[in-house]
Amino acid sequence: MAAPTTPDGDLLTVDQLAERTGVSVRTIRFYAGKGLLPAPRMRGRTGLYDTTHRARLELIGELSALGFTLAAIERQLERVPHEAGPEELSLQLALLTPWAPEAPDDVDRAGLHRRAGRTLDDDGVRALEALGSLTALDGDRYRLHGPTALASGLDTLDAGLSPEVWSRASDIIERHTTALAEDLMTLFQDEILQPYRDRGRPAHERQKIAAVMARLKPVTVHGVVTAFGRAVNRSIRDRVAHRGDPAS
C-alpha cells in the first residue's frame, strides 16, 4: 500500500526517510530520542517526516563527516530551532561544507598499504600521522584525511628529510593559517552574517549568502597561495640582499 503523503508528496514514513537519506531507521530514531530531530507529525499511529527532517539529517551527516562528536553536533543544532525550514538548514550546510576537507576514510593496516601503494612500517605510519595525513584509531585502524593529504605525506617521506623537520613546518603553517582563518571568519561574521541576523534572517537572502560561501573558498585559497608565493619571493630577495651573496 502506498505511504501517505501530502499533496506535494513531501511527507515520508520513517522507512521512506531512511531510504531517501541512507540513514538507518534505528539511527533516525536514536537522533530523535536525543532531540536532534523534531518529532514527526502523527497521522493515526504513523509518524510522518517532511523536508525539514531530511535537511536536518543531511546537516547531521555533514557535521559527522567533518569529525564533530555527537556532543558537538548537539551543541551545534541547539542553535538551529526545530521549526527552522529546509532553507535555513541549507544555509547552515553552506556555512560548513565549502570549507570541508576531503572526505575522511577509515581503513585497516592492509587498506592503508593499498591506498599508499606500498608497505609502510611503524615509523612511516607515525610519520604520516605527524604530518597530518592520517589519525591512528583503536584496533590498528586509521582515519585517512583524503587522498591529497596522503599523497602529500608520502611525497614528504620520499624527500628524505626527517619527519620532525616536516612536522615543525606543519606546525608553523597550522599556527599562521589558524590565525588567518579566525580573522577571515570574524570579517565574514561582522560584515555578512550579523547584518543578516539583524535584518531578521530574510528568506530571500539565504541563497545569496550560501552562494557567497560557495565562492569564498576557492577565492580565498587562490589568494592565500598567491600571497604566500609573493611573500616567499620577498623573503628570498631580502635574504640575498642582506647577505650580498646569492650562493648563501
Protein backbone atom coordinates (compact mmCIF):
# COMPACT_ATOMS: atom_id res chain seq x y z
CA MET A 1 0.00 0.00 0.00
CA ALA A 2 1.31 3.45 -0.88
CA ALA A 3 2.54 5.51 2.05
CA PRO A 4 0.51 8.60 2.93
CA THR A 5 1.86 11.86 1.56
CA THR A 6 0.86 15.47 1.34
CA PRO A 7 -0.43 16.79 -2.00
CA ASP A 8 3.11 17.88 -2.90
CA GLY A 9 4.43 14.48 -1.89
CA ASP A 10 6.95 15.59 0.73
CA LEU A 11 5.77 13.59 3.77
CA LEU A 12 7.58 10.31 4.36
CA THR A 13 7.31 7.39 6.73
CA VAL A 14 10.41 6.59 8.73
CA ASP A 15 11.23 3.74 6.34
CA GLN A 16 10.96 6.07 3.35
CA LEU A 17 13.07 8.71 5.09
CA ALA A 18 15.73 6.08 5.78
CA GLU A 19 15.69 5.02 2.13
CA ARG A 20 15.93 8.60 0.83
CA THR A 21 18.75 9.65 3.17
CA GLY A 22 20.74 6.45 3.61
CA VAL A 23 20.38 6.77 7.38
CA SER A 24 19.04 3.68 9.10
CA VAL A 25 15.67 3.68 10.84
CA ARG A 26 17.41 2.84 14.10
CA THR A 27 19.74 5.84 13.74
CA ILE A 28 16.86 8.18 12.85
CA ARG A 29 15.02 7.11 15.98
CA PHE A 30 18.20 7.48 18.02
CA TYR A 31 18.66 11.06 16.75
CA ALA A 32 15.02 11.82 17.51
CA GLY A 33 15.46 10.45 21.03
CA LYS A 34 18.48 12.73 21.52
CA GLY A 35 16.44 15.72 20.39
CA LEU A 36 18.46 16.22 17.20
CA LEU A 37 15.32 15.81 15.09
CA PRO A 38 11.89 17.31 15.76
CA ALA A 39 9.08 14.89 16.47
CA PRO A 40 7.31 13.57 13.36
CA ARG A 41 3.75 14.54 12.52
CA MET A 42 1.40 11.82 13.59
CA ARG A 43 -1.32 10.51 11.32
CA GLY A 44 -3.05 7.89 13.38
CA ARG A 45 -0.21 5.73 14.65
CA THR A 46 2.10 6.58 11.75
CA GLY A 47 4.84 9.15 12.17
CA LEU A 48 5.45 11.26 9.07
CA TYR A 49 8.60 13.20 8.26
CA ASP A 50 8.96 16.20 5.97
CA THR A 51 11.70 18.03 4.09
CA THR A 52 12.85 19.71 7.30
CA HIS A 53 13.64 16.33 8.85
CA ARG A 54 15.52 15.32 5.72
CA ALA A 55 17.53 18.57 5.64
CA ARG A 56 18.33 18.20 9.33
CA LEU A 57 19.60 14.66 8.76
CA GLU A 58 21.82 15.98 5.96
CA LEU A 59 23.21 18.60 8.32
CA ILE A 60 23.90 15.97 10.99
CA GLY A 61 25.64 13.82 8.39
CA GLU A 62 27.79 16.74 7.25
CA LEU A 63 28.79 17.58 10.82
CA SER A 64 29.66 13.95 11.43
CA ALA A 65 31.76 13.83 8.24
CA LEU A 66 33.62 16.91 9.45
CA GLY A 67 34.62 14.98 12.57
CA PHE A 68 32.14 16.51 15.04
CA THR A 69 31.39 14.31 18.02
CA LEU A 70 27.77 13.62 18.90
CA ALA A 71 28.01 16.09 21.79
CA ALA A 72 29.41 18.76 19.45
CA ILE A 73 26.62 18.07 16.94
CA GLU A 74 24.06 18.53 19.70
CA ARG A 75 25.61 21.88 20.63
CA GLN A 76 25.63 22.99 17.00
CA LEU A 77 22.00 22.03 16.45
CA GLU A 78 20.92 23.78 19.65
CA ARG A 79 21.48 27.00 17.67
CA VAL A 80 19.04 25.85 14.96
CA PRO A 81 15.43 25.81 16.19
CA HIS A 82 13.33 22.76 15.33
CA GLU A 83 10.96 24.93 13.35
CA ALA A 84 13.77 26.07 11.04
CA GLY A 85 12.85 25.17 7.49
CA PRO A 86 14.94 23.46 4.81
CA GLU A 87 16.21 26.82 3.52
CA GLU A 88 17.66 27.77 6.91
CA LEU A 89 19.20 24.32 7.28
CA SER A 90 20.65 24.57 3.76
CA LEU A 91 22.29 27.82 4.81
CA GLN A 92 23.81 26.07 7.81
CA LEU A 93 25.19 23.43 5.42
CA ALA A 94 26.58 26.13 3.13
CA LEU A 95 28.39 27.71 6.08
CA LEU A 96 30.13 24.40 6.73
CA THR A 97 30.67 22.46 3.54
CA PRO A 98 32.67 24.97 1.47
CA TRP A 99 35.47 24.61 3.99
CA ALA A 100 35.21 20.85 4.45
CA PRO A 101 38.42 18.95 3.73
CA GLU A 102 38.44 15.88 1.55
CA ALA A 103 36.15 13.24 2.99
CA PRO A 104 37.95 11.13 5.62
CA ASP A 105 38.04 7.39 5.20
CA ASP A 106 38.66 4.75 7.87
CA VAL A 107 40.84 1.79 6.86
CA ASP A 108 42.75 -1.05 8.48
CA ARG A 109 46.51 -1.51 8.08
CA ALA A 110 46.11 -3.52 4.87
CA GLY A 111 43.81 -0.84 3.47
CA LEU A 112 46.38 1.81 4.37
CA HIS A 113 49.05 -0.11 2.46
CA ARG A 114 46.76 -0.36 -0.56
CA ARG A 115 45.98 3.37 -0.52
CA ALA A 116 49.66 4.20 -0.11
CA GLY A 117 50.72 1.82 -2.87
CA ARG A 118 53.45 0.48 -0.61
CA THR A 119 54.02 -1.33 2.68
CA LEU A 120 54.55 1.15 5.50
CA ASP A 121 56.49 0.27 8.62
CA ASP A 122 55.54 1.64 12.04
CA ASP A 123 57.91 4.59 11.68
CA GLY A 124 56.33 5.51 8.34
CA VAL A 125 52.84 5.37 9.80
CA ARG A 126 53.86 7.53 12.75
CA ALA A 127 55.48 9.99 10.37
CA LEU A 128 52.29 10.23 8.28
CA GLU A 129 50.34 10.89 11.46
CA ALA A 130 52.78 13.63 12.48
CA LEU A 131 52.35 15.17 9.03
CA GLY A 132 48.55 15.20 9.39
CA SER A 133 47.91 12.67 6.61
CA LEU A 134 46.13 10.26 8.94
CA THR A 135 44.98 9.70 12.51
CA ALA A 136 45.56 6.41 14.30
CA LEU A 137 42.37 4.91 15.72
CA ASP A 138 41.83 1.97 18.05
CA GLY A 139 42.30 -1.58 16.84
CA ASP A 140 45.00 -0.95 14.23
CA ARG A 141 42.71 1.25 12.17
CA TYR A 142 43.45 4.63 10.66
CA ARG A 143 41.46 7.65 9.51
CA LEU A 144 42.83 8.95 6.21
CA HIS A 145 42.30 12.67 5.68
CA GLY A 146 41.75 12.44 1.94
CA PRO A 147 43.91 11.26 -0.97
CA THR A 148 45.63 14.62 -1.38
CA ALA A 149 46.78 14.64 2.25
CA LEU A 150 48.06 11.06 1.93
CA ALA A 151 49.89 11.76 -1.33
CA SER A 152 51.47 14.88 0.16
CA GLY A 153 52.60 12.91 3.21
CA LEU A 154 54.12 10.16 1.08
CA ASP A 155 55.95 12.73 -1.06
CA THR A 156 57.32 14.25 2.13
CA LEU A 157 58.61 10.87 3.31
CA ASP A 158 60.25 10.32 -0.06
CA ALA A 159 62.01 13.69 0.15
CA GLY A 160 64.42 12.24 2.69
CA LEU A 161 64.20 14.88 5.40
CA SER A 162 63.28 13.78 8.87
CA PRO A 163 59.59 13.74 9.83
CA GLU A 164 60.48 16.06 12.71
CA VAL A 165 61.51 18.82 10.28
CA TRP A 166 58.30 18.46 8.27
CA SER A 167 56.26 18.27 11.45
CA ARG A 168 57.75 21.59 12.60
CA ALA A 169 56.94 23.08 9.20
CA SER A 170 53.38 21.81 9.51
CA ASP A 171 53.10 23.39 12.97
CA ILE A 172 54.22 26.75 11.57
CA ILE A 173 51.67 26.53 8.74
CA GLU A 174 48.94 25.47 11.16
CA ARG A 175 49.67 28.35 13.53
CA HIS A 176 49.55 31.03 10.87
CA THR A 177 46.63 29.62 8.88
CA THR A 178 44.59 29.27 12.08
CA ALA A 179 45.08 32.97 12.76
CA LEU A 180 44.17 33.73 9.13
CA ALA A 181 41.01 31.63 9.35
CA GLU A 182 39.95 33.34 12.59
CA ASP A 183 40.42 36.79 11.06
CA LEU A 184 38.51 35.86 7.88
CA MET A 185 35.64 34.28 9.82
CA THR A 186 35.42 37.35 12.07
CA LEU A 187 35.22 39.54 8.97
CA PHE A 188 32.51 37.34 7.45
CA GLN A 189 30.61 37.24 10.74
CA ASP A 190 30.71 41.01 11.23
CA GLU A 191 30.04 42.07 7.64
CA ILE A 192 27.65 39.40 6.33
CA LEU A 193 26.16 37.06 8.93
CA GLN A 194 25.42 39.52 11.73
CA PRO A 195 23.69 42.07 9.44
CA TYR A 196 21.64 39.18 8.02
CA ARG A 197 20.57 38.20 11.54
CA ASP A 198 19.88 41.83 12.45
CA ARG A 199 17.51 42.05 9.45
CA GLY A 200 15.54 39.12 10.82
CA ARG A 201 17.08 36.42 8.60
CA PRO A 202 15.05 37.30 5.47
CA ALA A 203 14.41 34.17 3.40
CA HIS A 204 15.31 35.80 0.08
CA GLU A 205 18.88 36.42 1.31
CA ARG A 206 19.68 32.83 2.30
CA GLN A 207 20.57 31.61 -1.16
CA LYS A 208 22.69 34.69 -1.73
CA ILE A 209 24.71 34.02 1.43
CA ALA A 210 25.05 30.35 0.50
CA ALA A 211 26.37 31.39 -2.92
CA VAL A 212 28.85 33.77 -1.29
CA MET A 213 30.14 30.96 0.91
CA ALA A 214 30.43 28.60 -2.07
CA ARG A 215 32.65 31.16 -3.83
CA LEU A 216 34.60 32.17 -0.74
CA LYS A 217 36.71 29.02 -0.53
CA PRO A 218 38.29 28.97 -4.00
CA VAL A 219 38.81 32.74 -3.97
CA THR A 220 40.44 32.61 -0.54
CA VAL A 221 42.60 29.58 -1.32
CA HIS A 222 43.83 31.25 -4.52
CA GLY A 223 44.53 34.45 -2.60
CA VAL A 224 46.47 32.61 0.11
CA VAL A 225 48.59 30.69 -2.40
CA THR A 226 49.33 33.85 -4.41
CA ALA A 227 50.14 35.95 -1.34
CA PHE A 228 52.31 33.19 0.12
CA GLY A 229 54.28 32.91 -3.13
CA ARG A 230 54.89 36.66 -3.16
CA ALA A 231 55.94 36.58 0.50
CA VAL A 232 58.44 33.75 -0.10
CA ASN A 233 59.92 35.61 -3.07
CA ARG A 234 60.30 38.76 -0.97
CA SER A 235 61.96 36.75 1.79
CA ILE A 236 64.45 35.24 -0.67
CA ARG A 237 65.28 38.64 -2.16
CA ASP A 238 65.67 40.20 1.29
CA ARG A 239 68.00 37.45 2.48
CA VAL A 240 70.13 37.66 -0.66
CA ALA A 241 70.33 41.43 -0.42
CA HIS A 242 71.20 41.26 3.27
CA ARG A 243 73.97 38.70 2.81
CA GLY A 244 75.20 40.02 -0.54
CA ASP A 245 75.94 36.54 -1.82
CA PRO A 246 73.34 34.64 -3.85
CA ALA A 247 75.05 31.36 -3.05
CA SER A 248 74.43 31.92 0.65
